[in-house]
């Protein structure tokens, strides 16, 4: 079965669907879609869809960790984004940076303008708490040089977007962002934190593993475009 993705369809102005764990399609079910996201196990072979182009297949790695209770009240300098006090452009620029390895950037059918607009919109929706519960930022001279968004689901939380300005990378800001987030989650009685990143993003994978995250699952997402 293919589920219609309302938000994606409205944003891209095409009919977008998502299917998971399917090994074959009924033409009557998929022919009406302009773009299909197919979620598969990484060992599953690619599927041929008549009349569609398989534009890419990206492998995702989900990490999870139990929140470190020793961090409670540790001062990390992390604060919540405030639209009346902080630059939205700086946040937008970092959001675009966070998506450099995403399928929306790697898929040649999405141009650069669309890709960047997608991540700016993601941030805008996060500010209004549609996509995230909060946006945490790290400031240097009142400039946003790092941020992380998160969403709480039951007694777990999941990171949405995270990025650090390249000029300030290697200075521990990523660590402060995660520690600051864990402090907040501890006070909300959240016990675990999840994050998903692309297999190609080696730097991020090493960072999460160094910080105590363990791999909980891997899967692939393919894009099928109607010809």
N, C-alpha and C. Protein backbone atom coordinates (compact mmCIF):
# COMPACT_ATOMS: atom_id res chain seq x y z
N UNK A 1 0.83 -1.19 0.00
CA UNK A 1 0.00 0.00 0.00
C UNK A 1 0.87 1.25 0.00
N UNK A 2 0.47 2.25 -0.76
CA UNK A 2 1.19 3.51 -0.82
C UNK A 2 0.38 4.58 -0.10
N UNK A 3 0.99 5.22 0.88
CA UNK A 3 0.31 6.28 1.63
C UNK A 3 0.58 7.63 0.99
N UNK A 4 -0.45 8.42 0.83
CA UNK A 4 -0.31 9.77 0.30
C UNK A 4 0.31 10.66 1.38
N UNK A 5 1.36 11.38 1.01
CA UNK A 5 2.01 12.31 1.93
C UNK A 5 1.50 13.72 1.62
N UNK A 6 0.58 14.18 2.44
CA UNK A 6 -0.08 15.46 2.19
C UNK A 6 0.90 16.63 2.20
N UNK A 7 1.76 16.69 3.24
CA UNK A 7 2.66 17.83 3.35
C UNK A 7 3.62 17.89 2.18
N UNK A 8 4.27 16.78 1.86
CA UNK A 8 5.21 16.73 0.74
C UNK A 8 4.51 17.08 -0.57
N UNK A 9 3.31 16.57 -0.75
CA UNK A 9 2.57 16.84 -1.98
C UNK A 9 2.27 18.34 -2.13
N UNK A 10 1.88 18.97 -1.03
CA UNK A 10 1.60 20.40 -1.08
C UNK A 10 2.88 21.20 -1.32
N UNK A 11 3.95 20.81 -0.65
CA UNK A 11 5.20 21.57 -0.76
C UNK A 11 5.78 21.49 -2.17
N UNK A 12 5.86 20.29 -2.73
CA UNK A 12 6.47 20.11 -4.05
C UNK A 12 5.47 20.31 -5.19
N UNK A 13 4.19 20.45 -4.85
CA UNK A 13 3.13 20.64 -5.84
C UNK A 13 3.03 19.47 -6.81
N UNK A 14 3.26 18.28 -6.29
CA UNK A 14 3.09 17.03 -7.03
C UNK A 14 2.48 16.02 -6.07
N UNK A 15 2.03 14.88 -6.59
CA UNK A 15 1.46 13.85 -5.74
C UNK A 15 2.58 12.93 -5.27
N UNK A 16 2.86 12.95 -3.96
CA UNK A 16 3.96 12.18 -3.38
C UNK A 16 3.39 11.10 -2.47
N UNK A 17 3.93 9.89 -2.61
CA UNK A 17 3.50 8.78 -1.77
C UNK A 17 4.68 8.09 -1.11
N UNK A 18 4.37 7.28 -0.11
CA UNK A 18 5.41 6.54 0.61
C UNK A 18 4.95 5.11 0.83
N UNK A 19 5.86 4.18 0.56
CA UNK A 19 5.58 2.76 0.77
C UNK A 19 6.74 2.15 1.55
N UNK A 20 6.44 1.17 2.40
CA UNK A 20 7.48 0.53 3.20
C UNK A 20 7.36 -0.98 3.13
N UNK A 21 8.50 -1.64 2.95
CA UNK A 21 8.55 -3.10 2.99
C UNK A 21 7.83 -3.80 1.85
N UNK A 22 7.63 -3.10 0.75
CA UNK A 22 6.91 -3.70 -0.39
C UNK A 22 7.92 -4.26 -1.39
N UNK A 23 7.65 -5.45 -1.89
CA UNK A 23 8.54 -6.08 -2.87
C UNK A 23 7.99 -6.02 -4.29
N UNK A 24 6.70 -5.69 -4.43
CA UNK A 24 6.10 -5.54 -5.76
C UNK A 24 4.92 -4.58 -5.65
N UNK A 25 4.59 -3.96 -6.77
CA UNK A 25 3.51 -2.97 -6.79
C UNK A 25 2.45 -3.36 -7.80
N UNK A 26 1.21 -3.03 -7.46
CA UNK A 26 0.11 -3.13 -8.41
C UNK A 26 0.05 -1.80 -9.16
N UNK A 27 0.11 -1.87 -10.49
CA UNK A 27 0.17 -0.66 -11.31
C UNK A 27 -0.99 0.29 -11.00
N UNK A 28 -2.14 -0.26 -10.68
CA UNK A 28 -3.29 0.59 -10.40
C UNK A 28 -3.09 1.42 -9.13
N UNK A 29 -2.22 0.92 -8.25
CA UNK A 29 -2.00 1.61 -6.98
C UNK A 29 -0.95 2.71 -7.06
N UNK A 30 0.03 2.57 -7.98
CA UNK A 30 1.13 3.53 -7.96
C UNK A 30 1.15 4.49 -9.14
N UNK A 31 0.43 4.21 -10.19
CA UNK A 31 0.52 5.02 -11.40
C UNK A 31 0.04 6.46 -11.21
N UNK A 32 -0.74 6.71 -10.17
CA UNK A 32 -1.26 8.06 -9.97
C UNK A 32 -0.26 8.97 -9.26
N UNK A 33 0.84 8.40 -8.75
CA UNK A 33 1.82 9.19 -8.00
C UNK A 33 2.91 9.74 -8.92
N UNK A 34 3.32 10.97 -8.65
CA UNK A 34 4.42 11.58 -9.40
C UNK A 34 5.77 11.19 -8.81
N UNK A 35 5.79 10.98 -7.49
CA UNK A 35 7.02 10.61 -6.78
C UNK A 35 6.66 9.64 -5.67
N UNK A 36 7.43 8.57 -5.56
CA UNK A 36 7.21 7.57 -4.51
C UNK A 36 8.49 7.40 -3.71
N UNK A 37 8.38 7.51 -2.38
CA UNK A 37 9.47 7.16 -1.49
C UNK A 37 9.29 5.69 -1.10
N UNK A 38 10.28 4.87 -1.38
CA UNK A 38 10.21 3.46 -1.03
C UNK A 38 11.20 3.15 0.08
N UNK A 39 10.69 2.73 1.24
CA UNK A 39 11.52 2.38 2.38
C UNK A 39 11.73 0.88 2.38
N UNK A 40 13.00 0.45 2.42
CA UNK A 40 13.33 -0.98 2.36
C UNK A 40 14.42 -1.33 3.36
N UNK A 41 14.50 -2.62 3.65
CA UNK A 41 15.67 -3.15 4.33
C UNK A 41 16.87 -2.98 3.40
N UNK A 42 18.04 -2.71 3.96
CA UNK A 42 19.20 -2.44 3.12
C UNK A 42 19.63 -3.65 2.30
N UNK A 43 19.19 -4.85 2.70
CA UNK A 43 19.55 -6.05 1.94
C UNK A 43 18.55 -6.36 0.82
N UNK A 44 17.44 -5.62 0.79
CA UNK A 44 16.41 -5.87 -0.23
C UNK A 44 16.86 -5.32 -1.57
N UNK A 45 16.60 -6.06 -2.65
CA UNK A 45 17.00 -5.57 -3.98
C UNK A 45 16.14 -4.40 -4.42
N UNK A 46 16.65 -3.61 -5.34
CA UNK A 46 15.88 -2.51 -5.90
C UNK A 46 14.69 -3.06 -6.69
N UNK A 47 13.63 -2.29 -6.77
CA UNK A 47 12.41 -2.70 -7.46
C UNK A 47 12.26 -1.93 -8.76
N UNK A 48 11.85 -2.60 -9.81
CA UNK A 48 11.56 -1.94 -11.08
C UNK A 48 10.10 -1.52 -11.11
N UNK A 49 9.87 -0.24 -11.39
CA UNK A 49 8.51 0.27 -11.55
C UNK A 49 8.34 0.76 -12.98
N UNK A 50 7.47 0.13 -13.70
CA UNK A 50 7.24 0.51 -15.09
C UNK A 50 6.75 1.96 -15.17
N UNK A 51 7.42 2.76 -16.00
CA UNK A 51 7.04 4.14 -16.17
C UNK A 51 7.65 5.09 -15.15
N UNK A 52 8.59 4.56 -14.34
CA UNK A 52 9.22 5.39 -13.31
C UNK A 52 10.75 5.27 -13.40
N UNK A 53 11.40 6.33 -12.97
CA UNK A 53 12.86 6.36 -12.89
C UNK A 53 13.28 6.26 -11.43
N UNK A 54 14.19 5.34 -11.13
CA UNK A 54 14.77 5.25 -9.79
C UNK A 54 15.92 6.24 -9.71
N UNK A 55 15.67 7.39 -9.06
CA UNK A 55 16.63 8.48 -9.09
C UNK A 55 17.80 8.27 -8.14
N UNK A 56 17.53 7.65 -7.00
CA UNK A 56 18.60 7.41 -6.03
C UNK A 56 18.11 6.44 -4.96
N UNK A 57 19.06 5.91 -4.21
CA UNK A 57 18.77 5.07 -3.06
C UNK A 57 19.76 5.43 -1.97
N UNK A 58 19.26 5.89 -0.84
CA UNK A 58 20.11 6.37 0.25
C UNK A 58 19.93 5.47 1.47
N UNK A 59 21.04 5.11 2.09
CA UNK A 59 21.00 4.29 3.30
C UNK A 59 21.03 5.18 4.54
N UNK A 60 20.10 4.91 5.47
CA UNK A 60 20.01 5.67 6.70
C UNK A 60 20.38 4.80 7.89
N UNK A 61 21.02 5.42 8.86
CA UNK A 61 21.42 4.74 10.09
C UNK A 61 20.76 5.46 11.27
N UNK A 62 19.98 4.71 12.03
CA UNK A 62 19.36 5.28 13.23
C UNK A 62 20.20 4.91 14.45
N UNK A 63 20.56 5.93 15.23
CA UNK A 63 21.30 5.73 16.47
C UNK A 63 20.40 6.04 17.66
N UNK A 64 20.70 5.40 18.77
CA UNK A 64 19.93 5.63 19.99
C UNK A 64 20.85 5.55 21.20
N UNK A 65 20.56 6.33 22.22
CA UNK A 65 21.33 6.27 23.45
C UNK A 65 20.43 6.52 24.65
N UNK A 66 20.80 5.94 25.77
CA UNK A 66 20.14 6.26 27.03
C UNK A 66 20.73 7.56 27.55
N UNK A 67 19.87 8.46 27.97
CA UNK A 67 20.33 9.78 28.38
C UNK A 67 21.17 9.68 29.65
N UNK A 68 22.27 10.40 29.64
CA UNK A 68 23.23 10.36 30.73
C UNK A 68 22.76 11.22 31.91
N UNK A 69 22.39 10.59 32.99
CA UNK A 69 21.87 11.33 34.15
C UNK A 69 22.96 12.16 34.85
N UNK A 70 24.22 11.88 34.59
CA UNK A 70 25.31 12.64 35.21
C UNK A 70 25.39 14.07 34.65
N UNK A 71 24.70 14.32 33.53
CA UNK A 71 24.79 15.63 32.89
C UNK A 71 23.81 16.64 33.47
N UNK A 72 22.94 16.23 34.35
CA UNK A 72 21.89 17.11 34.83
C UNK A 72 22.46 18.41 35.40
N UNK A 73 21.90 19.54 34.90
CA UNK A 73 22.28 20.89 35.32
C UNK A 73 23.70 21.27 34.94
N UNK A 74 24.33 20.52 34.05
CA UNK A 74 25.66 20.89 33.55
C UNK A 74 25.49 22.09 32.61
N UNK A 75 26.19 23.18 32.85
CA UNK A 75 26.03 24.40 32.06
C UNK A 75 26.71 24.25 30.70
N UNK A 76 25.92 24.22 29.63
CA UNK A 76 26.46 24.05 28.28
C UNK A 76 26.33 25.30 27.43
N UNK A 77 25.66 26.33 27.94
CA UNK A 77 25.49 27.55 27.17
C UNK A 77 24.43 27.46 26.09
N UNK A 78 23.63 26.40 26.11
CA UNK A 78 22.59 26.20 25.10
C UNK A 78 21.32 26.92 25.53
N UNK A 79 20.69 27.64 24.59
CA UNK A 79 19.44 28.33 24.88
C UNK A 79 18.43 28.04 23.77
N UNK A 80 17.18 28.36 24.02
CA UNK A 80 16.14 28.19 23.00
C UNK A 80 16.16 29.37 22.03
N UNK A 81 15.88 29.07 20.77
CA UNK A 81 15.79 30.12 19.76
C UNK A 81 14.59 31.02 20.06
N UNK A 82 14.81 32.33 19.90
CA UNK A 82 13.76 33.32 20.09
C UNK A 82 13.74 34.21 18.85
N UNK A 83 12.64 34.18 18.12
CA UNK A 83 12.57 34.89 16.84
C UNK A 83 12.70 36.40 16.98
N UNK A 84 12.40 36.92 18.16
CA UNK A 84 12.51 38.37 18.36
C UNK A 84 13.92 38.79 18.75
N UNK A 85 14.78 37.82 19.08
CA UNK A 85 16.13 38.15 19.53
C UNK A 85 17.23 37.61 18.63
N UNK A 86 16.93 36.56 17.87
CA UNK A 86 17.97 35.89 17.10
C UNK A 86 17.67 35.90 15.60
N UNK A 87 18.72 35.79 14.80
CA UNK A 87 18.61 35.90 13.35
C UNK A 87 18.00 34.65 12.74
N UNK A 88 16.92 34.83 11.97
CA UNK A 88 16.32 33.71 11.26
C UNK A 88 17.20 33.30 10.08
N UNK A 89 17.90 34.26 9.48
CA UNK A 89 18.76 33.92 8.35
C UNK A 89 19.90 33.00 8.78
N UNK A 90 20.50 33.30 9.92
CA UNK A 90 21.57 32.43 10.42
C UNK A 90 21.06 31.02 10.66
N UNK A 91 19.84 30.92 11.16
CA UNK A 91 19.24 29.61 11.41
C UNK A 91 18.93 28.92 10.09
N UNK A 92 18.41 29.66 9.12
CA UNK A 92 18.13 29.09 7.80
C UNK A 92 19.41 28.56 7.15
N UNK A 93 20.49 29.33 7.24
CA UNK A 93 21.75 28.91 6.62
C UNK A 93 22.26 27.61 7.23
N UNK A 94 22.14 27.48 8.54
CA UNK A 94 22.58 26.27 9.22
C UNK A 94 21.65 25.09 8.89
N UNK A 95 20.37 25.38 8.71
CA UNK A 95 19.44 24.31 8.35
C UNK A 95 19.79 23.74 6.99
N UNK A 96 20.10 24.60 6.04
CA UNK A 96 20.52 24.13 4.71
C UNK A 96 21.79 23.30 4.82
N UNK A 97 22.73 23.75 5.65
CA UNK A 97 23.96 23.00 5.88
C UNK A 97 23.66 21.61 6.44
N UNK A 98 22.68 21.52 7.33
CA UNK A 98 22.35 20.23 7.95
C UNK A 98 21.83 19.22 6.93
N UNK A 99 21.33 19.70 5.80
CA UNK A 99 20.76 18.81 4.79
C UNK A 99 21.68 18.48 3.64
N UNK A 100 22.96 18.75 3.77
CA UNK A 100 23.88 18.56 2.65
C UNK A 100 23.97 17.10 2.19
N UNK A 101 23.76 16.14 3.09
CA UNK A 101 23.81 14.73 2.72
C UNK A 101 22.42 14.13 2.52
N UNK A 102 21.39 14.96 2.59
CA UNK A 102 20.02 14.45 2.52
C UNK A 102 19.65 14.04 1.11
N UNK A 103 18.61 13.22 1.02
CA UNK A 103 18.14 12.77 -0.30
C UNK A 103 17.54 13.91 -1.10
N UNK A 104 17.12 14.96 -0.43
CA UNK A 104 16.56 16.10 -1.14
C UNK A 104 17.66 16.92 -1.82
N UNK A 105 18.87 16.79 -1.34
CA UNK A 105 20.01 17.44 -1.97
C UNK A 105 20.67 16.53 -3.00
N UNK A 106 20.65 15.22 -2.73
CA UNK A 106 21.32 14.26 -3.61
C UNK A 106 20.47 13.89 -4.83
N UNK A 107 19.16 14.01 -4.72
CA UNK A 107 18.28 13.68 -5.83
C UNK A 107 18.38 14.76 -6.91
N UNK A 108 18.85 14.40 -8.12
CA UNK A 108 19.03 15.40 -9.19
C UNK A 108 17.72 16.02 -9.67
N UNK A 109 16.60 15.43 -9.31
CA UNK A 109 15.31 15.99 -9.73
C UNK A 109 14.86 17.17 -8.86
N UNK A 110 15.54 17.37 -7.73
CA UNK A 110 15.30 18.54 -6.90
C UNK A 110 16.42 19.54 -7.17
N UNK A 111 16.08 20.74 -7.63
CA UNK A 111 17.12 21.73 -7.86
C UNK A 111 17.54 22.37 -6.53
N UNK A 112 18.62 23.14 -6.58
CA UNK A 112 19.18 23.72 -5.36
C UNK A 112 18.19 24.64 -4.67
N UNK A 113 17.44 25.40 -5.45
CA UNK A 113 16.47 26.34 -4.87
C UNK A 113 15.41 25.58 -4.07
N UNK A 114 14.91 24.49 -4.65
CA UNK A 114 13.89 23.69 -3.97
C UNK A 114 14.44 23.05 -2.70
N UNK A 115 15.66 22.50 -2.81
CA UNK A 115 16.30 21.89 -1.65
C UNK A 115 16.45 22.89 -0.50
N UNK A 116 16.96 24.07 -0.81
CA UNK A 116 17.16 25.07 0.24
C UNK A 116 15.83 25.57 0.81
N UNK A 117 14.85 25.73 -0.05
CA UNK A 117 13.53 26.16 0.42
C UNK A 117 12.92 25.11 1.34
N UNK A 118 13.17 23.83 1.04
CA UNK A 118 12.66 22.73 1.86
C UNK A 118 13.18 22.85 3.29
N UNK A 119 14.48 23.10 3.45
CA UNK A 119 15.06 23.16 4.79
C UNK A 119 14.74 24.47 5.51
N UNK A 120 14.58 25.55 4.77
CA UNK A 120 14.13 26.78 5.41
C UNK A 120 12.70 26.61 5.93
N UNK A 121 11.87 25.94 5.14
CA UNK A 121 10.49 25.69 5.56
C UNK A 121 10.47 24.76 6.78
N UNK A 122 11.36 23.77 6.79
CA UNK A 122 11.46 22.87 7.94
C UNK A 122 11.73 23.66 9.23
N UNK A 123 12.66 24.62 9.13
CA UNK A 123 12.97 25.45 10.30
C UNK A 123 11.77 26.31 10.68
N UNK A 124 11.13 26.91 9.69
CA UNK A 124 9.96 27.75 9.99
C UNK A 124 8.89 26.95 10.71
N UNK A 125 8.66 25.72 10.25
CA UNK A 125 7.66 24.87 10.90
C UNK A 125 8.12 24.42 12.28
N UNK A 126 9.42 24.30 12.46
CA UNK A 126 9.95 23.94 13.78
C UNK A 126 9.77 25.09 14.77
N UNK A 127 9.93 26.32 14.30
CA UNK A 127 9.73 27.49 15.14
C UNK A 127 8.30 27.52 15.67
N UNK A 128 7.37 27.13 14.80
CA UNK A 128 5.96 27.13 15.19
C UNK A 128 5.54 25.80 15.83
N UNK A 129 6.54 24.97 16.19
CA UNK A 129 6.38 23.69 16.89
C UNK A 129 5.56 22.66 16.12
N UNK A 130 5.47 22.81 14.80
CA UNK A 130 4.82 21.78 13.99
C UNK A 130 5.75 20.59 13.79
N UNK A 131 7.03 20.87 13.52
CA UNK A 131 8.01 19.82 13.25
C UNK A 131 8.89 19.52 14.45
N UNK A 132 8.90 20.38 15.44
CA UNK A 132 9.80 20.21 16.59
C UNK A 132 9.17 20.82 17.84
N UNK A 133 9.62 20.34 18.99
CA UNK A 133 9.17 20.92 20.26
C UNK A 133 9.95 22.18 20.60
N UNK A 134 11.19 22.26 20.11
CA UNK A 134 12.02 23.43 20.39
C UNK A 134 13.23 23.42 19.46
N UNK A 135 13.85 24.59 19.32
CA UNK A 135 15.11 24.74 18.60
C UNK A 135 16.13 25.27 19.58
N UNK A 136 17.17 24.49 19.85
CA UNK A 136 18.22 24.91 20.77
C UNK A 136 19.39 25.45 19.96
N UNK A 137 19.97 26.55 20.43
CA UNK A 137 21.05 27.19 19.68
C UNK A 137 22.26 27.44 20.57
N UNK A 138 23.41 27.61 19.90
CA UNK A 138 24.65 27.99 20.57
C UNK A 138 25.13 29.28 19.93
N UNK A 139 25.40 30.29 20.76
CA UNK A 139 25.78 31.61 20.26
C UNK A 139 27.26 31.90 20.51
N UNK A 140 27.87 32.57 19.54
CA UNK A 140 29.20 33.16 19.71
C UNK A 140 29.08 34.61 19.25
N UNK A 141 29.33 35.55 20.17
CA UNK A 141 29.17 36.98 19.87
C UNK A 141 27.78 37.27 19.30
N UNK A 142 26.78 36.64 19.92
CA UNK A 142 25.37 36.80 19.55
C UNK A 142 25.05 36.29 18.14
N UNK A 143 25.91 35.47 17.60
CA UNK A 143 25.68 34.85 16.29
C UNK A 143 25.40 33.36 16.49
N UNK A 144 24.38 32.85 15.80
CA UNK A 144 24.06 31.42 15.91
C UNK A 144 25.08 30.62 15.13
N UNK A 145 25.87 29.80 15.82
CA UNK A 145 26.89 29.00 15.14
C UNK A 145 26.58 27.50 15.23
N UNK A 146 25.51 27.15 15.95
CA UNK A 146 25.11 25.75 16.03
C UNK A 146 23.67 25.66 16.51
N UNK A 147 22.98 24.60 16.08
CA UNK A 147 21.59 24.43 16.52
C UNK A 147 21.21 22.96 16.46
N UNK A 148 20.14 22.62 17.18
CA UNK A 148 19.57 21.27 17.13
C UNK A 148 18.07 21.39 17.39
N UNK A 149 17.28 20.63 16.65
CA UNK A 149 15.84 20.56 16.90
C UNK A 149 15.51 19.16 17.42
N UNK A 150 14.43 19.07 18.17
CA UNK A 150 14.04 17.77 18.70
C UNK A 150 12.53 17.68 18.85
N UNK A 151 12.04 16.44 18.87
CA UNK A 151 10.63 16.16 19.05
C UNK A 151 10.49 15.03 20.05
N UNK A 152 9.63 15.23 21.05
CA UNK A 152 9.39 14.20 22.06
C UNK A 152 8.23 13.32 21.63
N UNK A 153 8.45 12.01 21.72
CA UNK A 153 7.43 11.02 21.40
C UNK A 153 7.38 10.02 22.55
N UNK A 154 6.30 10.09 23.34
CA UNK A 154 6.17 9.25 24.53
C UNK A 154 7.32 9.56 25.49
N UNK A 155 8.10 8.55 25.88
CA UNK A 155 9.21 8.81 26.78
C UNK A 155 10.56 8.82 26.07
N UNK A 156 10.51 9.04 24.74
CA UNK A 156 11.72 9.14 23.93
C UNK A 156 11.72 10.47 23.20
N UNK A 157 12.88 10.87 22.73
CA UNK A 157 13.01 12.09 21.93
C UNK A 157 13.84 11.79 20.69
N UNK A 158 13.59 12.54 19.64
CA UNK A 158 14.31 12.33 18.39
C UNK A 158 14.82 13.66 17.85
N UNK A 159 16.09 13.67 17.48
CA UNK A 159 16.68 14.85 16.87
C UNK A 159 16.18 14.98 15.43
N UNK A 160 15.76 16.18 15.05
CA UNK A 160 15.32 16.42 13.68
C UNK A 160 16.46 16.93 12.83
N UNK A 161 16.96 18.12 13.15
CA UNK A 161 18.08 18.73 12.43
C UNK A 161 19.16 19.14 13.43
N UNK A 162 20.41 19.06 12.98
CA UNK A 162 21.53 19.51 13.81
C UNK A 162 22.65 19.94 12.89
N UNK A 163 23.29 21.06 13.22
CA UNK A 163 24.41 21.53 12.41
C UNK A 163 25.24 22.52 13.20
N UNK A 164 26.52 22.60 12.83
CA UNK A 164 27.45 23.58 13.39
C UNK A 164 28.13 24.30 12.24
N UNK A 165 28.21 25.61 12.32
CA UNK A 165 28.91 26.40 11.31
C UNK A 165 30.32 25.84 11.10
N UNK A 166 30.71 25.59 9.84
CA UNK A 166 32.03 24.98 9.57
C UNK A 166 33.20 25.72 10.21
N UNK A 167 33.09 27.04 10.32
CA UNK A 167 34.18 27.82 10.92
C UNK A 167 34.38 27.44 12.39
N UNK A 168 33.32 26.99 13.04
CA UNK A 168 33.37 26.69 14.47
C UNK A 168 33.38 25.20 14.78
N UNK A 169 33.49 24.38 13.76
CA UNK A 169 33.53 22.94 13.99
C UNK A 169 34.86 22.54 14.63
N UNK A 170 34.84 21.49 15.43
CA UNK A 170 36.04 21.05 16.13
C UNK A 170 36.28 21.76 17.44
N UNK A 171 35.32 22.59 17.87
CA UNK A 171 35.47 23.35 19.11
C UNK A 171 34.53 22.83 20.22
N UNK A 172 33.92 21.68 19.99
CA UNK A 172 33.07 21.08 21.01
C UNK A 172 31.64 21.58 21.02
N UNK A 173 31.25 22.37 20.02
CA UNK A 173 29.90 22.92 20.01
C UNK A 173 28.86 21.83 19.79
N UNK A 174 29.16 20.87 18.93
CA UNK A 174 28.25 19.74 18.73
C UNK A 174 28.01 18.99 20.03
N UNK A 175 29.07 18.82 20.80
CA UNK A 175 28.96 18.14 22.10
C UNK A 175 28.08 18.95 23.05
N UNK A 176 28.27 20.27 23.07
CA UNK A 176 27.44 21.13 23.92
C UNK A 176 25.97 21.05 23.52
N UNK A 177 25.71 20.98 22.23
CA UNK A 177 24.33 20.88 21.77
C UNK A 177 23.66 19.61 22.28
N UNK A 178 24.36 18.48 22.16
CA UNK A 178 23.80 17.21 22.61
C UNK A 178 23.65 17.20 24.14
N UNK A 179 24.66 17.70 24.84
CA UNK A 179 24.59 17.74 26.30
C UNK A 179 23.46 18.66 26.77
N UNK A 180 23.33 19.82 26.11
CA UNK A 180 22.25 20.74 26.48
C UNK A 180 20.89 20.12 26.26
N UNK A 181 20.75 19.41 25.14
CA UNK A 181 19.50 18.73 24.85
C UNK A 181 19.21 17.65 25.89
N UNK A 182 20.22 16.88 26.25
CA UNK A 182 20.02 15.83 27.24
C UNK A 182 19.60 16.41 28.59
N UNK A 183 20.17 17.55 28.97
CA UNK A 183 19.77 18.21 30.22
C UNK A 183 18.29 18.54 30.21
N UNK A 184 17.82 19.08 29.11
CA UNK A 184 16.41 19.44 28.98
C UNK A 184 15.53 18.20 29.04
N UNK A 185 15.94 17.15 28.34
CA UNK A 185 15.14 15.93 28.30
C UNK A 185 15.08 15.24 29.65
N UNK A 186 16.17 15.29 30.40
CA UNK A 186 16.19 14.69 31.73
C UNK A 186 15.12 15.32 32.63
N UNK A 187 14.99 16.64 32.52
CA UNK A 187 14.01 17.35 33.34
C UNK A 187 12.58 17.04 32.91
N UNK A 188 12.43 16.48 31.72
CA UNK A 188 11.12 16.09 31.22
C UNK A 188 10.88 14.59 31.38
N UNK A 189 11.81 13.91 32.09
CA UNK A 189 11.73 12.46 32.34
C UNK A 189 11.79 11.64 31.06
N UNK A 190 12.52 12.14 30.08
CA UNK A 190 12.75 11.38 28.83
C UNK A 190 13.96 10.49 29.04
N UNK A 191 13.86 9.23 28.63
CA UNK A 191 14.92 8.28 28.96
C UNK A 191 15.89 7.99 27.82
N UNK A 192 15.48 8.24 26.57
CA UNK A 192 16.37 7.92 25.47
C UNK A 192 16.27 8.97 24.36
N UNK A 193 17.33 9.02 23.57
CA UNK A 193 17.43 9.99 22.48
C UNK A 193 17.83 9.26 21.20
N UNK A 194 17.13 9.58 20.10
CA UNK A 194 17.40 8.95 18.81
C UNK A 194 17.81 10.00 17.79
N UNK A 195 18.56 9.57 16.81
CA UNK A 195 18.93 10.45 15.70
C UNK A 195 19.17 9.58 14.47
N UNK A 196 18.76 10.07 13.33
CA UNK A 196 18.96 9.36 12.07
C UNK A 196 19.87 10.19 11.17
N UNK A 197 20.84 9.53 10.56
CA UNK A 197 21.71 10.22 9.62
C UNK A 197 22.01 9.31 8.44
N UNK A 198 22.58 9.90 7.40
CA UNK A 198 22.89 9.13 6.20
C UNK A 198 24.20 8.37 6.37
N UNK A 199 24.27 7.19 5.79
CA UNK A 199 25.47 6.37 5.88
C UNK A 199 26.68 7.10 5.30
N UNK A 200 26.42 7.95 4.29
CA UNK A 200 27.52 8.69 3.63
C UNK A 200 28.09 9.78 4.53
N UNK A 201 27.37 10.17 5.56
CA UNK A 201 27.82 11.24 6.44
C UNK A 201 28.72 10.65 7.53
N UNK A 202 29.93 10.28 7.12
CA UNK A 202 30.86 9.58 8.00
C UNK A 202 31.20 10.39 9.25
N UNK A 203 31.36 11.69 9.07
CA UNK A 203 31.72 12.55 10.20
C UNK A 203 30.65 12.51 11.28
N UNK A 204 29.38 12.57 10.86
CA UNK A 204 28.28 12.53 11.83
C UNK A 204 28.20 11.17 12.51
N UNK A 205 28.39 10.09 11.74
CA UNK A 205 28.34 8.75 12.31
C UNK A 205 29.39 8.59 13.41
N UNK A 206 30.59 9.06 13.14
CA UNK A 206 31.67 8.95 14.13
C UNK A 206 31.36 9.79 15.37
N UNK A 207 30.76 10.96 15.15
CA UNK A 207 30.42 11.83 16.28
C UNK A 207 29.41 11.15 17.19
N UNK A 208 28.35 10.58 16.63
CA UNK A 208 27.31 9.97 17.45
C UNK A 208 27.84 8.75 18.19
N UNK A 209 28.66 7.95 17.52
CA UNK A 209 29.21 6.77 18.18
C UNK A 209 30.16 7.17 19.31
N UNK A 210 30.93 8.23 19.08
CA UNK A 210 31.84 8.73 20.12
C UNK A 210 31.06 9.25 21.33
N UNK A 211 29.87 9.76 21.07
CA UNK A 211 29.06 10.35 22.13
C UNK A 211 28.21 9.33 22.86
N UNK A 212 28.33 8.07 22.49
CA UNK A 212 27.63 7.02 23.23
C UNK A 212 26.38 6.49 22.56
N UNK A 213 26.11 6.92 21.34
CA UNK A 213 24.98 6.37 20.60
C UNK A 213 25.35 5.00 20.02
N UNK A 214 24.38 4.12 19.96
CA UNK A 214 24.55 2.81 19.33
C UNK A 214 23.58 2.69 18.16
N UNK A 215 23.97 1.94 17.15
CA UNK A 215 23.10 1.75 15.99
C UNK A 215 21.92 0.88 16.38
N UNK A 216 20.72 1.38 16.14
CA UNK A 216 19.51 0.63 16.47
C UNK A 216 18.84 0.04 15.22
N UNK A 217 19.04 0.66 14.07
CA UNK A 217 18.47 0.12 12.83
C UNK A 217 19.11 0.79 11.62
N UNK A 218 19.02 0.12 10.49
CA UNK A 218 19.44 0.69 9.21
C UNK A 218 18.37 0.38 8.17
N UNK A 219 18.19 1.27 7.23
CA UNK A 219 17.20 1.08 6.18
C UNK A 219 17.55 1.98 5.01
N UNK A 220 16.92 1.75 3.88
CA UNK A 220 17.17 2.58 2.70
C UNK A 220 15.88 3.25 2.26
N UNK A 221 16.03 4.40 1.61
CA UNK A 221 14.90 5.08 0.99
C UNK A 221 15.27 5.38 -0.46
N UNK A 222 14.42 4.95 -1.37
CA UNK A 222 14.60 5.21 -2.80
C UNK A 222 13.55 6.20 -3.28
N UNK A 223 13.93 6.98 -4.27
CA UNK A 223 12.99 7.89 -4.93
C UNK A 223 12.66 7.38 -6.32
N UNK A 224 11.38 7.19 -6.59
CA UNK A 224 10.89 6.77 -7.91
C UNK A 224 10.07 7.91 -8.50
N UNK A 225 10.56 8.44 -9.62
CA UNK A 225 9.88 9.55 -10.29
C UNK A 225 9.16 9.08 -11.53
N UNK A 226 7.95 9.57 -11.69
CA UNK A 226 7.16 9.23 -12.88
C UNK A 226 7.78 9.86 -14.11
N UNK A 227 7.94 9.07 -15.16
CA UNK A 227 8.54 9.56 -16.39
C UNK A 227 7.55 10.34 -17.22
